[in-house]
Protein backbone atom coordinates (compact mmCIF):
# COMPACT_ATOMS: atom_id res chain seq x y z
CA MET A 1 -4.98 -11.66 -2.95
CA LYS A 2 -1.84 -12.08 -0.69
CA LYS A 3 -1.81 -10.98 3.22
CA MET A 4 1.27 -9.20 4.06
CA SER A 5 1.87 -8.36 7.40
CA GLY A 6 2.34 -4.33 8.24
CA THR A 7 0.65 -3.76 11.36
CA ARG A 8 2.49 -1.10 13.96
CA THR A 9 1.18 1.02 16.73
CA LYS A 10 2.72 4.61 16.79
CA ASN A 11 3.47 6.03 20.12
CA SER A 12 1.93 9.84 20.29
CA ASN A 13 2.38 12.37 23.36
CA ASN A 14 2.75 8.94 26.03
CA LYS A 15 -0.30 7.34 23.80
CA ASN A 16 -0.52 4.24 22.28
CA GLN A 17 -2.56 5.52 18.66
CA VAL A 18 -3.54 3.15 16.07
CA ILE A 19 -3.53 4.19 12.93
CA ILE A 20 -4.75 1.08 10.75
CA MET A 21 -5.78 1.49 7.16
CA LYS A 22 -6.17 -0.38 4.09
CA VAL A 23 -3.40 -0.87 1.37
CA GLU A 24 -3.64 -2.76 -1.58
CA ILE A 25 -0.37 -2.89 -4.59
CA LEU A 26 -2.13 -3.71 -7.14
CA GLY A 27 -0.93 -6.05 -10.32
CA THR A 28 -0.02 -8.89 -12.05
CA GLY A 29 3.28 -10.44 -9.59
CA CYS A 30 5.76 -8.09 -12.30
CA MET A 31 9.58 -6.52 -11.37
CA LYS A 32 7.55 -3.24 -10.68
CA CYS A 33 4.86 -4.56 -8.99
CA LYS A 34 7.44 -5.95 -6.45
CA ARG A 35 9.25 -3.37 -6.26
CA LEU A 36 6.14 -1.45 -5.09
CA ALA A 37 5.18 -3.51 -2.73
CA LYS A 38 8.40 -3.37 -1.26
CA ASN A 39 8.55 0.25 -1.47
CA VAL A 40 5.24 0.10 -0.05
CA GLU A 41 6.27 -2.34 3.14
CA LYS A 42 9.28 0.33 3.81
CA ALA A 43 7.08 3.31 3.52
CA VAL A 44 4.55 1.70 6.31
CA SER A 45 7.35 0.75 8.57
CA GLU A 46 9.48 4.40 9.18
CA LEU A 47 5.98 5.28 8.89
CA GLY A 48 5.64 2.82 12.03
CA ILE A 49 1.52 2.58 11.29
CA SER A 50 -0.86 0.52 10.53
CA ALA A 51 -1.48 -1.17 7.50
CA ASP A 52 -3.05 -4.02 6.30
CA ILE A 53 -1.63 -5.06 3.01
CA VAL A 54 -3.02 -6.83 0.30
CA LYS A 55 -1.64 -7.94 -3.21
CA VAL A 56 -4.44 -8.72 -5.39
CA GLU A 57 -2.63 -10.45 -8.27
CA ASP A 58 -6.05 -11.00 -10.32
CA ILE A 59 -6.19 -9.24 -12.92
CA THR A 60 -9.94 -9.18 -13.33
CA ALA A 61 -9.97 -7.95 -9.77
CA ILE A 62 -7.70 -6.03 -11.29
CA MET A 63 -10.32 -5.39 -14.07
CA GLU A 64 -13.03 -4.78 -10.36
CA ARG A 65 -11.47 -2.30 -9.63
CA ASP A 66 -11.52 0.27 -12.73
CA VAL A 67 -7.52 -0.16 -12.84
CA MET A 68 -6.65 -0.83 -15.88
CA LEU A 69 -2.62 0.33 -15.36
CA THR A 70 -0.07 -1.65 -12.81
CA PRO A 71 1.28 -1.93 -10.99
CA ALA A 72 -1.19 0.54 -8.72
CA LEU A 73 -1.30 1.28 -5.78
CA MET A 74 -4.42 2.09 -3.51
CA VAL A 75 -5.70 2.72 -0.12
CA ASP A 76 -8.49 2.88 1.79
CA GLY A 77 -10.66 1.51 -1.64
CA GLU A 78 -9.57 5.30 -3.51
CA LEU A 79 -6.32 4.65 -6.05
CA LYS A 80 -3.27 6.68 -5.71
CA VAL A 81 -1.19 5.40 -8.08
CA SER A 82 -1.53 3.89 -11.37
CA GLY A 83 0.97 2.60 -14.28
CA ARG A 84 4.01 3.35 -12.23
CA VAL A 85 6.40 2.23 -9.26
CA ALA A 86 6.20 5.53 -6.69
CA ASP A 87 9.16 5.81 -4.48
CA VAL A 88 8.78 4.65 -0.30
CA ALA A 89 9.40 9.12 0.01
CA GLU A 90 5.96 9.33 -1.45
CA ILE A 91 4.40 6.64 -0.98
CA LYS A 92 5.28 7.60 2.66
CA ALA A 93 3.94 11.31 2.01
CA ILE A 94 0.52 9.32 0.67
CA LEU A 95 0.02 6.92 3.26
CA GLY A 96 0.84 9.18 6.28
CA GLY A 97 -2.18 12.41 4.85
CA ALA A 98 -4.66 9.06 4.35
């Protein structure tokens, strides 16, 4: 597993509101997996949220999460996207509603 930085603080009503979630990008390192990772990083940055972004590249660890199609996106342990690259807008919608 590779950890990526994605911590942000959102300012709301003059109070710092910290939203922390775990975002996992599952895939063996192929181009689609890398594209999904970049889209996740961009979505987190644009939303200004705190997220622990982790790349899971070990096939055994991926299978332990019952994921058979990669790339895949999990948020707080829940599978959100599998077998395709979600675009930034879709990821923002997923993370905004998480």
